[in-house]
N, C-alpha and C. Protein backbone atom coordinates (compact mmCIF):
# COMPACT_ATOMS: atom_id res chain seq x y z
N UNK A 1 -162.93 -2.97 -61.34
CA UNK A 1 -163.45 -3.31 -59.91
C UNK A 1 -162.93 -2.29 -59.05
N UNK A 2 -161.78 -1.79 -59.24
CA UNK A 2 -161.28 -0.87 -58.16
C UNK A 2 -160.86 0.51 -58.84
N UNK A 3 -161.06 1.53 -58.02
CA UNK A 3 -160.83 2.84 -58.59
C UNK A 3 -159.36 3.14 -58.29
N UNK A 4 -158.60 2.27 -57.58
CA UNK A 4 -157.23 2.46 -57.22
C UNK A 4 -156.38 1.68 -58.32
N UNK A 5 -156.20 2.28 -59.32
CA UNK A 5 -155.39 1.60 -60.48
C UNK A 5 -154.26 2.60 -60.68
N UNK A 6 -153.15 1.99 -61.34
CA UNK A 6 -151.90 2.78 -61.64
C UNK A 6 -152.29 3.85 -62.58
N UNK A 7 -151.86 5.03 -62.54
CA UNK A 7 -152.04 6.15 -63.40
C UNK A 7 -150.83 6.04 -64.40
N UNK A 8 -151.08 5.96 -65.72
CA UNK A 8 -149.98 5.96 -66.59
C UNK A 8 -149.98 7.13 -67.52
N UNK A 9 -149.03 7.32 -68.29
CA UNK A 9 -148.99 8.39 -69.27
C UNK A 9 -148.01 9.45 -68.91
N UNK A 10 -147.15 9.26 -67.94
CA UNK A 10 -146.08 10.23 -67.65
C UNK A 10 -144.76 9.50 -67.64
N UNK A 11 -143.68 10.17 -67.24
CA UNK A 11 -142.33 9.61 -67.33
C UNK A 11 -142.08 8.40 -66.27
N UNK A 12 -142.86 8.40 -65.15
CA UNK A 12 -142.77 7.32 -64.19
C UNK A 12 -143.39 6.03 -64.75
N UNK A 13 -144.56 6.07 -65.33
CA UNK A 13 -145.28 4.99 -65.96
C UNK A 13 -145.90 5.38 -67.20
N UNK A 14 -145.06 5.31 -68.34
CA UNK A 14 -145.47 5.79 -69.54
C UNK A 14 -146.62 5.16 -70.32
N UNK A 15 -146.85 3.82 -70.03
CA UNK A 15 -147.81 2.97 -70.63
C UNK A 15 -148.47 2.07 -69.72
N UNK A 16 -149.66 1.62 -70.09
CA UNK A 16 -150.37 0.66 -69.12
C UNK A 16 -149.45 -0.52 -68.70
N UNK A 17 -149.30 -0.84 -67.49
CA UNK A 17 -148.42 -1.96 -66.88
C UNK A 17 -148.48 -3.19 -67.76
N UNK A 18 -149.64 -3.63 -68.05
CA UNK A 18 -149.75 -5.04 -68.74
C UNK A 18 -149.06 -4.83 -70.13
N UNK A 19 -149.34 -3.75 -70.82
CA UNK A 19 -148.76 -3.62 -72.16
C UNK A 19 -147.18 -3.48 -72.12
N UNK A 20 -146.66 -2.79 -71.17
CA UNK A 20 -145.27 -2.72 -70.93
C UNK A 20 -144.65 -3.97 -70.59
N UNK A 21 -145.31 -4.78 -69.77
CA UNK A 21 -144.74 -6.20 -69.46
C UNK A 21 -144.76 -7.01 -70.72
N UNK A 22 -145.79 -6.94 -71.50
CA UNK A 22 -145.84 -7.74 -72.70
C UNK A 22 -144.84 -7.43 -73.70
N UNK A 23 -144.38 -6.11 -73.64
CA UNK A 23 -143.23 -5.78 -74.50
C UNK A 23 -141.84 -6.10 -73.93
N UNK A 24 -141.89 -6.67 -72.75
CA UNK A 24 -140.55 -7.09 -72.16
C UNK A 24 -140.08 -6.17 -70.98
N UNK A 25 -140.75 -5.18 -70.59
CA UNK A 25 -140.39 -4.36 -69.35
C UNK A 25 -140.32 -5.22 -68.28
N UNK A 26 -139.16 -5.08 -67.51
CA UNK A 26 -139.02 -5.85 -66.23
C UNK A 26 -138.65 -7.36 -66.45
N UNK A 27 -138.43 -7.77 -67.75
CA UNK A 27 -138.00 -9.16 -68.02
C UNK A 27 -136.88 -9.63 -67.31
N UNK A 28 -135.88 -8.79 -66.99
CA UNK A 28 -134.58 -9.14 -66.36
C UNK A 28 -134.82 -9.33 -64.94
N UNK A 29 -135.99 -9.00 -64.36
CA UNK A 29 -136.35 -9.10 -63.02
C UNK A 29 -137.25 -10.38 -62.66
N UNK A 30 -136.67 -11.26 -61.83
CA UNK A 30 -137.38 -12.51 -61.45
C UNK A 30 -138.62 -12.11 -60.63
N UNK A 31 -139.77 -12.52 -60.97
CA UNK A 31 -141.03 -12.06 -60.44
C UNK A 31 -141.52 -13.14 -59.36
N UNK A 32 -141.88 -12.62 -58.18
CA UNK A 32 -142.69 -13.41 -57.28
C UNK A 32 -143.85 -12.61 -56.95
N UNK A 33 -145.05 -13.15 -57.24
CA UNK A 33 -146.33 -12.48 -57.16
C UNK A 33 -147.28 -13.39 -56.62
N UNK A 34 -148.30 -12.85 -55.86
CA UNK A 34 -149.36 -13.72 -55.37
C UNK A 34 -150.33 -12.97 -54.64
N UNK A 35 -151.33 -13.78 -54.09
CA UNK A 35 -152.32 -13.17 -53.26
C UNK A 35 -152.63 -14.04 -51.99
N UNK A 36 -153.36 -13.51 -51.18
CA UNK A 36 -153.96 -14.19 -49.96
C UNK A 36 -155.38 -14.70 -50.33
N UNK A 37 -155.58 -15.91 -50.20
CA UNK A 37 -156.97 -16.45 -50.70
C UNK A 37 -158.12 -15.90 -49.86
N UNK A 38 -157.85 -15.25 -48.73
CA UNK A 38 -158.96 -14.72 -47.93
C UNK A 38 -158.97 -13.07 -47.88
N UNK A 39 -158.36 -12.63 -48.87
CA UNK A 39 -158.10 -11.15 -48.96
C UNK A 39 -159.37 -10.32 -48.79
N UNK A 40 -160.44 -10.65 -49.39
CA UNK A 40 -161.68 -9.88 -49.30
C UNK A 40 -162.26 -10.00 -47.82
N UNK A 41 -161.88 -10.84 -47.03
CA UNK A 41 -162.41 -10.87 -45.65
C UNK A 41 -161.95 -9.68 -44.91
N UNK A 42 -160.90 -9.00 -45.20
CA UNK A 42 -160.43 -7.84 -44.58
C UNK A 42 -161.51 -6.76 -44.63
N UNK A 43 -162.32 -6.87 -45.72
CA UNK A 43 -163.40 -5.84 -45.95
C UNK A 43 -164.78 -6.37 -45.36
N UNK A 44 -165.10 -7.61 -45.68
CA UNK A 44 -166.34 -8.09 -45.47
C UNK A 44 -166.69 -8.87 -44.14
N UNK A 45 -165.59 -9.30 -43.43
CA UNK A 45 -165.82 -10.02 -42.19
C UNK A 45 -166.10 -9.00 -41.07
N UNK A 46 -165.17 -8.13 -40.80
CA UNK A 46 -165.50 -7.07 -39.67
C UNK A 46 -166.69 -6.33 -39.92
N UNK A 47 -167.04 -5.97 -41.17
CA UNK A 47 -168.39 -5.19 -41.31
C UNK A 47 -169.55 -6.05 -41.22
N UNK A 48 -169.49 -7.32 -41.10
CA UNK A 48 -170.61 -8.27 -41.04
C UNK A 48 -171.27 -8.60 -42.42
N UNK A 49 -170.69 -8.11 -43.56
CA UNK A 49 -171.31 -8.39 -44.95
C UNK A 49 -171.18 -9.77 -45.14
N UNK A 50 -170.06 -10.48 -44.96
CA UNK A 50 -169.89 -11.90 -45.31
C UNK A 50 -170.91 -12.67 -44.58
N UNK A 51 -171.30 -12.49 -43.40
CA UNK A 51 -172.19 -13.18 -42.70
C UNK A 51 -173.75 -12.82 -42.96
N UNK A 52 -173.96 -11.50 -43.20
CA UNK A 52 -175.39 -11.17 -43.27
C UNK A 52 -176.05 -10.63 -44.57
N UNK A 53 -175.21 -10.43 -45.58
CA UNK A 53 -175.81 -9.91 -46.78
C UNK A 53 -176.74 -10.86 -47.49
N UNK A 54 -177.98 -10.32 -47.85
CA UNK A 54 -178.83 -11.18 -48.61
C UNK A 54 -178.45 -11.32 -50.05
N UNK A 55 -178.84 -12.42 -50.76
CA UNK A 55 -178.41 -12.60 -52.11
C UNK A 55 -178.75 -11.53 -53.11
N UNK A 56 -179.98 -10.90 -52.88
CA UNK A 56 -180.21 -9.90 -53.89
C UNK A 56 -179.24 -8.62 -53.73
N UNK A 57 -178.90 -8.43 -52.40
CA UNK A 57 -177.87 -7.23 -52.21
C UNK A 57 -176.58 -7.60 -52.73
N UNK A 58 -176.13 -8.88 -52.51
CA UNK A 58 -174.77 -9.30 -53.06
C UNK A 58 -174.77 -9.14 -54.60
N UNK A 59 -175.83 -9.59 -55.19
CA UNK A 59 -175.89 -9.37 -56.80
C UNK A 59 -175.82 -8.03 -57.13
N UNK A 60 -176.60 -7.09 -56.41
CA UNK A 60 -176.69 -5.62 -56.71
C UNK A 60 -175.28 -5.02 -56.55
N UNK A 61 -174.69 -5.39 -55.40
CA UNK A 61 -173.37 -4.83 -55.14
C UNK A 61 -172.35 -5.21 -56.26
N UNK A 62 -172.27 -6.49 -56.57
CA UNK A 62 -171.32 -6.96 -57.49
C UNK A 62 -171.69 -6.39 -58.95
N UNK A 63 -172.97 -6.20 -59.24
CA UNK A 63 -173.40 -5.67 -60.49
C UNK A 63 -172.91 -4.31 -60.73
N UNK A 64 -172.53 -3.53 -59.75
CA UNK A 64 -172.05 -2.18 -59.90
C UNK A 64 -170.54 -2.14 -60.51
N UNK A 65 -169.97 -3.40 -60.51
CA UNK A 65 -168.64 -3.41 -60.92
C UNK A 65 -168.39 -4.36 -61.99
N UNK A 66 -169.19 -5.31 -62.29
CA UNK A 66 -168.97 -6.23 -63.41
C UNK A 66 -170.44 -6.77 -64.03
N UNK A 67 -170.40 -7.02 -65.25
CA UNK A 67 -171.55 -7.55 -65.91
C UNK A 67 -171.67 -9.13 -65.58
N UNK A 68 -172.95 -9.54 -65.50
CA UNK A 68 -173.32 -10.87 -65.21
C UNK A 68 -173.04 -11.23 -63.69
N UNK A 69 -173.32 -10.32 -62.89
CA UNK A 69 -173.09 -10.53 -61.41
C UNK A 69 -173.80 -11.76 -60.85
N UNK A 70 -175.11 -12.01 -61.19
CA UNK A 70 -175.82 -13.11 -60.67
C UNK A 70 -175.18 -14.46 -61.21
N UNK A 71 -174.79 -14.55 -62.47
CA UNK A 71 -174.23 -15.84 -62.89
C UNK A 71 -172.82 -16.02 -62.18
N UNK A 72 -172.13 -15.02 -62.05
CA UNK A 72 -170.86 -15.03 -61.20
C UNK A 72 -171.18 -15.65 -59.90
N UNK A 73 -171.99 -15.04 -59.16
CA UNK A 73 -172.32 -15.40 -57.80
C UNK A 73 -172.79 -16.91 -57.81
N UNK A 74 -173.56 -17.28 -58.79
CA UNK A 74 -174.09 -18.67 -58.85
C UNK A 74 -172.93 -19.58 -58.97
N UNK A 75 -171.93 -19.21 -59.95
CA UNK A 75 -170.71 -20.04 -60.17
C UNK A 75 -169.93 -20.23 -58.84
N UNK A 76 -170.07 -19.26 -57.92
CA UNK A 76 -169.44 -19.35 -56.65
C UNK A 76 -170.30 -19.91 -55.46
N UNK A 77 -171.31 -20.57 -55.97
CA UNK A 77 -172.23 -21.27 -55.03
C UNK A 77 -173.32 -20.61 -54.30
N UNK A 78 -173.82 -19.46 -54.92
CA UNK A 78 -174.90 -18.68 -54.28
C UNK A 78 -176.10 -19.52 -53.99
N UNK A 79 -176.54 -20.41 -54.82
CA UNK A 79 -177.67 -21.16 -54.62
C UNK A 79 -177.52 -22.50 -53.92
N UNK A 80 -176.22 -22.79 -53.47
CA UNK A 80 -175.96 -23.99 -52.94
C UNK A 80 -176.52 -24.09 -51.51
N UNK A 81 -177.06 -25.07 -51.06
CA UNK A 81 -177.63 -25.26 -49.73
C UNK A 81 -176.57 -25.17 -48.67
N UNK A 82 -176.98 -24.38 -47.71
CA UNK A 82 -176.01 -23.98 -46.70
C UNK A 82 -174.93 -22.95 -46.93
N UNK A 83 -174.99 -22.36 -48.10
CA UNK A 83 -173.88 -21.35 -48.58
C UNK A 83 -174.51 -20.01 -48.32
N UNK A 84 -173.87 -19.19 -47.49
CA UNK A 84 -174.28 -17.75 -47.40
C UNK A 84 -173.98 -16.98 -48.65
N UNK A 85 -174.94 -16.08 -48.94
CA UNK A 85 -174.61 -15.08 -50.17
C UNK A 85 -173.27 -14.37 -49.99
N UNK A 86 -172.97 -13.99 -48.73
CA UNK A 86 -171.73 -13.34 -48.37
C UNK A 86 -170.44 -14.01 -48.71
N UNK A 87 -170.49 -15.38 -48.51
CA UNK A 87 -169.51 -16.21 -48.80
C UNK A 87 -169.14 -16.32 -50.28
N UNK A 88 -170.26 -16.31 -51.17
CA UNK A 88 -170.06 -16.33 -52.50
C UNK A 88 -169.60 -15.03 -53.01
N UNK A 89 -170.16 -13.90 -52.51
CA UNK A 89 -169.68 -12.53 -52.86
C UNK A 89 -168.14 -12.35 -52.46
N UNK A 90 -167.80 -12.78 -51.30
CA UNK A 90 -166.51 -12.55 -50.83
C UNK A 90 -165.47 -13.36 -51.67
N UNK A 91 -165.80 -14.59 -52.08
CA UNK A 91 -164.82 -15.28 -52.86
C UNK A 91 -164.83 -14.85 -54.29
N UNK A 92 -165.94 -14.51 -54.85
CA UNK A 92 -165.96 -13.95 -56.18
C UNK A 92 -165.16 -12.62 -56.20
N UNK A 93 -165.51 -11.77 -55.29
CA UNK A 93 -164.69 -10.48 -55.30
C UNK A 93 -163.15 -10.68 -55.08
N UNK A 94 -162.80 -11.68 -54.32
CA UNK A 94 -161.35 -11.89 -54.14
C UNK A 94 -160.77 -12.20 -55.52
N UNK A 95 -161.36 -13.08 -56.30
CA UNK A 95 -160.83 -13.57 -57.54
C UNK A 95 -160.89 -12.33 -58.48
N UNK A 96 -161.94 -11.47 -58.54
CA UNK A 96 -161.98 -10.39 -59.50
C UNK A 96 -161.12 -9.29 -59.19
N UNK A 97 -160.89 -9.02 -57.80
CA UNK A 97 -160.14 -7.95 -57.42
C UNK A 97 -158.55 -8.18 -57.23
N UNK A 98 -158.35 -9.27 -56.69
CA UNK A 98 -156.98 -9.71 -56.50
C UNK A 98 -156.48 -10.67 -57.32
N UNK A 99 -157.00 -11.95 -57.38
CA UNK A 99 -156.48 -13.00 -58.09
C UNK A 99 -156.26 -12.84 -59.53
N UNK A 100 -157.40 -12.44 -60.21
CA UNK A 100 -157.34 -12.32 -61.71
C UNK A 100 -156.31 -11.30 -62.10
N UNK A 101 -156.24 -10.07 -61.53
CA UNK A 101 -155.25 -9.09 -61.97
C UNK A 101 -153.88 -9.61 -61.70
N UNK A 102 -153.71 -10.36 -60.58
CA UNK A 102 -152.31 -10.97 -60.26
C UNK A 102 -151.93 -11.91 -61.41
N UNK A 103 -152.98 -12.73 -61.77
CA UNK A 103 -152.65 -13.73 -62.97
C UNK A 103 -152.38 -13.00 -64.16
N UNK A 104 -153.06 -11.96 -64.56
CA UNK A 104 -152.84 -11.24 -65.77
C UNK A 104 -151.43 -10.63 -65.69
N UNK A 105 -150.99 -10.11 -64.63
CA UNK A 105 -149.70 -9.53 -64.49
C UNK A 105 -148.57 -10.55 -64.72
N UNK A 106 -148.78 -11.77 -63.98
CA UNK A 106 -147.90 -12.85 -64.19
C UNK A 106 -147.76 -13.36 -65.52
N UNK A 107 -148.86 -13.45 -66.16
CA UNK A 107 -148.91 -14.00 -67.62
C UNK A 107 -148.25 -12.96 -68.58
N UNK A 108 -148.40 -11.77 -68.28
CA UNK A 108 -147.77 -10.68 -69.15
C UNK A 108 -146.25 -10.62 -68.94
N UNK A 109 -145.81 -10.95 -67.73
CA UNK A 109 -144.39 -10.79 -67.54
C UNK A 109 -143.54 -11.74 -68.33
N UNK A 110 -142.46 -11.24 -68.91
CA UNK A 110 -141.69 -12.06 -69.97
C UNK A 110 -140.55 -12.69 -69.25
N UNK A 111 -140.23 -12.38 -68.11
CA UNK A 111 -139.06 -13.02 -67.46
C UNK A 111 -139.41 -14.22 -66.63
N UNK A 112 -138.40 -14.62 -65.86
CA UNK A 112 -138.75 -15.82 -64.94
C UNK A 112 -139.59 -15.42 -63.71
N UNK A 113 -140.43 -16.25 -63.25
CA UNK A 113 -141.24 -15.81 -62.27
C UNK A 113 -142.02 -16.93 -61.50
N UNK A 114 -142.63 -16.60 -60.40
CA UNK A 114 -143.47 -17.59 -59.74
C UNK A 114 -144.70 -16.99 -59.23
N UNK A 115 -145.85 -17.66 -59.34
CA UNK A 115 -147.06 -17.17 -58.81
C UNK A 115 -147.51 -18.08 -57.67
N UNK A 116 -147.91 -17.46 -56.50
CA UNK A 116 -148.29 -18.25 -55.42
C UNK A 116 -149.53 -17.63 -54.68
N UNK A 117 -150.17 -18.28 -53.94
CA UNK A 117 -151.19 -17.78 -53.09
C UNK A 117 -151.20 -18.40 -51.70
N UNK A 118 -151.49 -17.47 -50.74
CA UNK A 118 -151.63 -18.05 -49.41
C UNK A 118 -153.08 -18.46 -49.08
N UNK A 119 -153.28 -19.78 -48.84
CA UNK A 119 -154.56 -20.25 -48.86
C UNK A 119 -154.92 -20.82 -47.28
N UNK A 120 -155.86 -20.18 -46.73
CA UNK A 120 -156.33 -20.69 -45.38
C UNK A 120 -155.32 -20.77 -44.34
N UNK A 121 -155.72 -21.31 -43.27
CA UNK A 121 -155.00 -21.67 -42.10
C UNK A 121 -155.47 -22.90 -41.42
N UNK A 122 -154.68 -23.56 -40.73
CA UNK A 122 -155.10 -24.90 -40.17
C UNK A 122 -156.12 -24.65 -39.03
N UNK A 123 -157.14 -25.52 -38.86
CA UNK A 123 -158.14 -25.26 -37.72
C UNK A 123 -157.45 -25.00 -36.37
N UNK A 124 -158.03 -23.90 -35.73
CA UNK A 124 -157.53 -23.60 -34.45
C UNK A 124 -156.38 -22.50 -34.55
N UNK A 125 -155.81 -22.24 -35.78
CA UNK A 125 -154.76 -21.32 -35.85
C UNK A 125 -155.41 -19.79 -35.72
N UNK A 126 -154.70 -19.03 -34.98
CA UNK A 126 -155.18 -17.69 -34.91
C UNK A 126 -155.15 -16.81 -36.26
N UNK A 127 -156.03 -15.90 -36.38
CA UNK A 127 -156.11 -15.19 -37.61
C UNK A 127 -154.77 -14.48 -38.01
N UNK A 128 -154.15 -13.97 -36.92
CA UNK A 128 -152.79 -13.21 -37.16
C UNK A 128 -151.64 -14.08 -37.36
N UNK A 129 -151.70 -15.48 -37.16
CA UNK A 129 -150.60 -16.34 -37.38
C UNK A 129 -150.16 -16.34 -38.88
N UNK A 130 -148.89 -16.45 -39.21
CA UNK A 130 -148.55 -16.36 -40.55
C UNK A 130 -148.11 -17.64 -41.22
N UNK A 131 -148.30 -18.67 -40.64
CA UNK A 131 -147.91 -20.03 -41.17
C UNK A 131 -148.99 -20.40 -42.05
N UNK A 132 -149.20 -19.93 -43.23
CA UNK A 132 -150.13 -20.30 -44.22
C UNK A 132 -149.57 -21.29 -45.20
N UNK A 133 -150.37 -21.88 -45.81
CA UNK A 133 -149.92 -22.94 -46.86
C UNK A 133 -149.79 -22.29 -48.20
N UNK A 134 -148.68 -22.49 -48.89
CA UNK A 134 -148.48 -21.90 -50.21
C UNK A 134 -149.18 -22.84 -51.28
N UNK A 135 -149.80 -22.23 -52.17
CA UNK A 135 -150.38 -23.04 -53.19
C UNK A 135 -150.13 -22.25 -54.55
N UNK A 136 -150.21 -23.03 -55.67
CA UNK A 136 -149.84 -22.37 -56.83
C UNK A 136 -150.86 -22.59 -57.93
């Protein structure tokens, strides 16, 4: 999904991170890892994509990164009445780009750890407020 991935194969990161974690690298370090449930909004709200993208373009955009884009968007409510295609795209992309890799990392870590996500904000709370609800 992202071209910004760790480069491995040198003395800093000799092997892929998930393989290293599965072998016990970092097991002595307690892990706290998580995501923000609305992380993709950073990219798709200011640009107007979340509000205005048509379904066919959302499917095309997602298909450039993952197979089965239409089925994925349908699972995120693309055909649901009152649901904007951009909402389905944003939520699917959040899970694919942020949440899924985070869960893979947490599952591969052999030490103690906690996975959390920051989900939403109470009605009327400003976007920049940081009092989010933790969910696991």
